[in-house]
Amino acid sequence: MSYHMDEEVNEAFIRLMDALCMWERNTGRASTLAFIPWEKDERMVVAVDGKPLPPEASFRDMEIPVKLAIERRRGLLYAEWGFKKEEKAA
C-alpha cells in the first residue's frame, strides 16, 4: 500500500500505523492520525485506531473522523482547564 510518494516516508507511515494499532489494542486507547499535505499531488492519510482508511475513501470519509477527534480533544481540554463547553477562555 502506498501512502506517500517518498518510499522512506511511506515505510515510516506503515511502521507508525502498525505500532499505533498494536499499542491501542494493548492499552484499550484510541486515536486518529491525520497527515494532511498542502500539495495537490500528495494524498491525505487518515488512520483511526491504528487502521488506515482505504485509499478510495473520499475527502468526506476522511474529514469526519478528524473532526470527531478534534471535538473530543477539545471537550477533554475544556474539562481539564475547568471550563464548560459553552464557556470561552478569556
N, C-alpha and C. Protein backbone atom coordinates (compact mmCIF):
# COMPACT_ATOMS: atom_id res chain seq x y z
N MET A 1 0.85 -1.18 0.00
CA MET A 1 0.00 0.00 0.00
C MET A 1 0.90 1.24 0.00
N SER A 2 0.54 2.20 -0.79
CA SER A 2 1.33 3.42 -0.88
C SER A 2 0.57 4.58 -0.25
N TYR A 3 1.19 5.18 0.75
CA TYR A 3 0.60 6.34 1.43
C TYR A 3 1.33 7.63 1.10
N HIS A 4 2.52 7.52 0.59
CA HIS A 4 3.32 8.71 0.30
C HIS A 4 4.21 8.43 -0.90
N MET A 5 4.52 9.49 -1.67
CA MET A 5 5.34 9.32 -2.88
C MET A 5 6.79 8.99 -2.56
N ASP A 6 7.26 9.37 -1.38
CA ASP A 6 8.63 9.05 -0.96
C ASP A 6 8.61 7.70 -0.24
N GLU A 7 9.38 6.75 -0.73
CA GLU A 7 9.36 5.39 -0.19
C GLU A 7 9.73 5.34 1.29
N GLU A 8 10.70 6.12 1.70
CA GLU A 8 11.11 6.14 3.11
C GLU A 8 9.98 6.65 4.00
N VAL A 9 9.31 7.71 3.56
CA VAL A 9 8.18 8.26 4.32
C VAL A 9 7.03 7.26 4.33
N ASN A 10 6.79 6.61 3.19
CA ASN A 10 5.75 5.61 3.09
C ASN A 10 5.98 4.48 4.10
N GLU A 11 7.21 3.99 4.17
CA GLU A 11 7.54 2.93 5.13
C GLU A 11 7.38 3.41 6.57
N ALA A 12 7.69 4.67 6.82
CA ALA A 12 7.52 5.23 8.16
C ALA A 12 6.03 5.28 8.54
N PHE A 13 5.18 5.65 7.58
CA PHE A 13 3.73 5.64 7.84
C PHE A 13 3.27 4.23 8.22
N ILE A 14 3.71 3.25 7.48
CA ILE A 14 3.30 1.87 7.74
C ILE A 14 3.76 1.42 9.12
N ARG A 15 5.01 1.72 9.48
CA ARG A 15 5.52 1.35 10.81
C ARG A 15 4.74 2.07 11.91
N LEU A 16 4.46 3.36 11.70
CA LEU A 16 3.72 4.13 12.69
C LEU A 16 2.31 3.58 12.89
N MET A 17 1.61 3.30 11.80
CA MET A 17 0.25 2.77 11.93
C MET A 17 0.25 1.39 12.57
N ASP A 18 1.23 0.55 12.23
CA ASP A 18 1.34 -0.77 12.87
C ASP A 18 1.58 -0.63 14.37
N ALA A 19 2.49 0.27 14.74
CA ALA A 19 2.80 0.48 16.16
C ALA A 19 1.59 1.03 16.91
N LEU A 20 0.88 1.99 16.30
CA LEU A 20 -0.31 2.55 16.94
C LEU A 20 -1.37 1.49 17.14
N CYS A 21 -1.61 0.69 16.12
CA CYS A 21 -2.62 -0.35 16.20
C CYS A 21 -2.30 -1.32 17.34
N MET A 22 -1.06 -1.77 17.42
CA MET A 22 -0.65 -2.71 18.47
C MET A 22 -0.76 -2.06 19.85
N TRP A 23 -0.30 -0.83 19.96
CA TRP A 23 -0.33 -0.13 21.25
C TRP A 23 -1.78 0.10 21.70
N GLU A 24 -2.65 0.49 20.76
CA GLU A 24 -4.05 0.72 21.12
C GLU A 24 -4.74 -0.57 21.52
N ARG A 25 -4.43 -1.67 20.86
CA ARG A 25 -5.01 -2.97 21.26
C ARG A 25 -4.57 -3.34 22.68
N ASN A 26 -3.29 -3.11 22.98
CA ASN A 26 -2.75 -3.48 24.29
C ASN A 26 -3.21 -2.58 25.42
N THR A 27 -3.53 -1.32 25.11
CA THR A 27 -3.89 -0.37 26.17
C THR A 27 -5.37 -0.05 26.23
N GLY A 28 -6.12 -0.39 25.17
CA GLY A 28 -7.53 -0.05 25.12
C GLY A 28 -7.77 1.42 24.77
N ARG A 29 -6.72 2.11 24.37
CA ARG A 29 -6.85 3.51 23.99
C ARG A 29 -7.21 3.60 22.51
N ALA A 30 -7.56 4.82 22.08
CA ALA A 30 -7.92 5.04 20.68
C ALA A 30 -7.36 6.38 20.23
N SER A 31 -7.16 6.51 18.91
CA SER A 31 -6.66 7.78 18.39
C SER A 31 -7.02 7.91 16.91
N THR A 32 -6.85 9.11 16.41
CA THR A 32 -6.97 9.39 14.98
C THR A 32 -5.69 10.06 14.55
N LEU A 33 -5.06 9.51 13.54
CA LEU A 33 -3.83 10.07 12.99
C LEU A 33 -4.17 10.66 11.63
N ALA A 34 -3.77 11.90 11.39
CA ALA A 34 -4.07 12.54 10.11
C ALA A 34 -2.82 13.20 9.54
N PHE A 35 -2.53 12.88 8.30
CA PHE A 35 -1.49 13.55 7.54
C PHE A 35 -2.22 14.30 6.43
N ILE A 36 -2.15 15.62 6.47
CA ILE A 36 -2.87 16.44 5.52
C ILE A 36 -1.86 17.31 4.78
N PRO A 37 -1.42 16.85 3.62
CA PRO A 37 -0.43 17.62 2.86
C PRO A 37 -1.05 18.85 2.22
N TRP A 38 -0.23 19.83 1.95
CA TRP A 38 -0.70 21.06 1.33
C TRP A 38 -0.63 20.99 -0.19
N GLU A 39 0.16 20.06 -0.70
CA GLU A 39 0.34 19.96 -2.15
C GLU A 39 -0.71 19.04 -2.76
N LYS A 40 -1.16 19.37 -3.96
CA LYS A 40 -2.22 18.60 -4.61
C LYS A 40 -1.77 17.23 -5.09
N ASP A 41 -0.47 17.04 -5.30
CA ASP A 41 -0.01 15.75 -5.82
C ASP A 41 0.23 14.71 -4.72
N GLU A 42 -0.08 15.05 -3.48
CA GLU A 42 0.03 14.10 -2.38
C GLU A 42 -1.37 13.78 -1.86
N ARG A 43 -1.50 12.64 -1.25
CA ARG A 43 -2.81 12.27 -0.73
C ARG A 43 -2.85 12.34 0.79
N MET A 44 -4.06 12.59 1.28
CA MET A 44 -4.27 12.58 2.72
C MET A 44 -4.19 11.15 3.23
N VAL A 45 -3.71 10.99 4.44
CA VAL A 45 -3.70 9.69 5.09
C VAL A 45 -4.37 9.88 6.44
N VAL A 46 -5.40 9.10 6.69
CA VAL A 46 -6.10 9.15 7.97
C VAL A 46 -6.18 7.72 8.49
N ALA A 47 -5.74 7.54 9.73
CA ALA A 47 -5.82 6.24 10.38
C ALA A 47 -6.65 6.40 11.66
N VAL A 48 -7.61 5.53 11.84
CA VAL A 48 -8.47 5.53 13.02
C VAL A 48 -8.18 4.24 13.78
N ASP A 49 -7.82 4.39 15.03
CA ASP A 49 -7.45 3.24 15.86
C ASP A 49 -6.32 2.43 15.23
N GLY A 50 -5.38 3.13 14.60
CA GLY A 50 -4.22 2.48 14.01
C GLY A 50 -4.46 1.83 12.68
N LYS A 51 -5.69 1.95 12.15
CA LYS A 51 -6.02 1.33 10.87
C LYS A 51 -6.29 2.42 9.84
N PRO A 52 -5.57 2.41 8.72
CA PRO A 52 -5.78 3.45 7.72
C PRO A 52 -7.12 3.32 7.01
N LEU A 53 -7.71 4.46 6.68
CA LEU A 53 -8.89 4.42 5.83
C LEU A 53 -8.43 4.00 4.45
N PRO A 54 -9.27 3.31 3.70
CA PRO A 54 -8.85 2.81 2.39
C PRO A 54 -8.51 3.95 1.42
N PRO A 55 -7.64 3.69 0.46
CA PRO A 55 -7.23 4.73 -0.48
C PRO A 55 -8.38 5.31 -1.29
N GLU A 56 -9.44 4.52 -1.47
CA GLU A 56 -10.58 5.03 -2.23
C GLU A 56 -11.54 5.87 -1.38
N ALA A 57 -11.21 6.04 -0.10
CA ALA A 57 -12.05 6.87 0.78
C ALA A 57 -12.09 8.30 0.26
N SER A 58 -13.26 8.89 0.35
CA SER A 58 -13.42 10.26 -0.12
C SER A 58 -12.89 11.24 0.93
N PHE A 59 -12.77 12.49 0.52
CA PHE A 59 -12.35 13.52 1.47
C PHE A 59 -13.33 13.57 2.63
N ARG A 60 -14.62 13.44 2.35
CA ARG A 60 -15.65 13.46 3.40
C ARG A 60 -15.44 12.29 4.37
N ASP A 61 -15.12 11.12 3.84
CA ASP A 61 -14.85 9.95 4.70
C ASP A 61 -13.69 10.23 5.66
N MET A 62 -12.70 10.97 5.17
CA MET A 62 -11.53 11.28 5.99
C MET A 62 -11.79 12.44 6.94
N GLU A 63 -12.63 13.37 6.50
CA GLU A 63 -12.91 14.57 7.28
C GLU A 63 -13.66 14.24 8.58
N ILE A 64 -14.58 13.32 8.53
CA ILE A 64 -15.43 13.01 9.68
C ILE A 64 -14.63 12.53 10.89
N PRO A 65 -13.76 11.51 10.77
CA PRO A 65 -13.02 11.08 11.97
C PRO A 65 -12.06 12.15 12.49
N VAL A 66 -11.52 12.97 11.60
CA VAL A 66 -10.62 14.04 12.05
C VAL A 66 -11.41 15.06 12.86
N LYS A 67 -12.58 15.47 12.36
CA LYS A 67 -13.42 16.43 13.10
C LYS A 67 -13.85 15.85 14.45
N LEU A 68 -14.25 14.58 14.47
CA LEU A 68 -14.66 13.96 15.73
C LEU A 68 -13.52 13.92 16.73
N ALA A 69 -12.31 13.62 16.25
CA ALA A 69 -11.15 13.58 17.15
C ALA A 69 -10.86 14.97 17.72
N ILE A 70 -10.97 15.99 16.88
CA ILE A 70 -10.73 17.36 17.35
C ILE A 70 -11.78 17.76 18.37
N GLU A 71 -13.04 17.46 18.10
CA GLU A 71 -14.11 17.80 19.05
C GLU A 71 -13.94 17.06 20.38
N ARG A 72 -13.57 15.79 20.29
CA ARG A 72 -13.35 15.02 21.53
C ARG A 72 -12.21 15.63 22.33
N ARG A 73 -11.12 15.94 21.66
CA ARG A 73 -9.97 16.53 22.35
C ARG A 73 -10.31 17.88 22.94
N ARG A 74 -11.05 18.68 22.18
CA ARG A 74 -11.47 19.99 22.67
C ARG A 74 -12.29 19.83 23.96
N GLY A 75 -13.20 18.87 23.96
CA GLY A 75 -14.01 18.62 25.16
C GLY A 75 -13.16 18.21 26.35
N LEU A 76 -12.16 17.36 26.10
CA LEU A 76 -11.26 16.94 27.17
C LEU A 76 -10.44 18.12 27.69
N LEU A 77 -9.99 18.99 26.78
CA LEU A 77 -9.22 20.16 27.21
C LEU A 77 -10.08 21.12 28.02
N TYR A 78 -11.32 21.35 27.56
CA TYR A 78 -12.21 22.22 28.33
C TYR A 78 -12.39 21.68 29.75
N ALA A 79 -12.60 20.37 29.87
CA ALA A 79 -12.77 19.76 31.19
C ALA A 79 -11.50 19.89 32.01
N GLU A 80 -10.36 19.65 31.38
CA GLU A 80 -9.07 19.73 32.06
C GLU A 80 -8.80 21.15 32.58
N TRP A 81 -9.22 22.16 31.80
CA TRP A 81 -8.98 23.55 32.18
C TRP A 81 -10.08 24.10 33.08
N GLY A 82 -11.12 23.31 33.33
CA GLY A 82 -12.19 23.75 34.22
C GLY A 82 -13.28 24.56 33.55
N PHE A 83 -13.35 24.55 32.23
CA PHE A 83 -14.39 25.27 31.51
C PHE A 83 -15.50 24.31 31.13
N LYS A 84 -16.70 24.84 31.06
CA LYS A 84 -17.78 24.10 30.46
C LYS A 84 -17.68 24.34 28.97
N LYS A 85 -18.22 23.44 28.19
CA LYS A 85 -18.07 23.52 26.74
C LYS A 85 -18.59 24.85 26.17
N GLU A 86 -19.64 25.42 26.79
CA GLU A 86 -20.21 26.65 26.28
C GLU A 86 -19.36 27.87 26.62
N GLU A 87 -18.55 27.79 27.66
CA GLU A 87 -17.73 28.90 28.09
C GLU A 87 -16.50 29.05 27.19
N LYS A 88 -15.99 30.27 27.14
CA LYS A 88 -14.77 30.50 26.37
C LYS A 88 -13.71 31.09 27.31
N ALA A 89 -12.48 30.73 27.03
CA ALA A 89 -11.38 31.29 27.83
C ALA A 89 -11.23 32.77 27.49
N ALA A 90 -10.96 33.55 28.50
CA ALA A 90 -10.84 35.00 28.30
C ALA A 90 -9.51 35.35 27.68
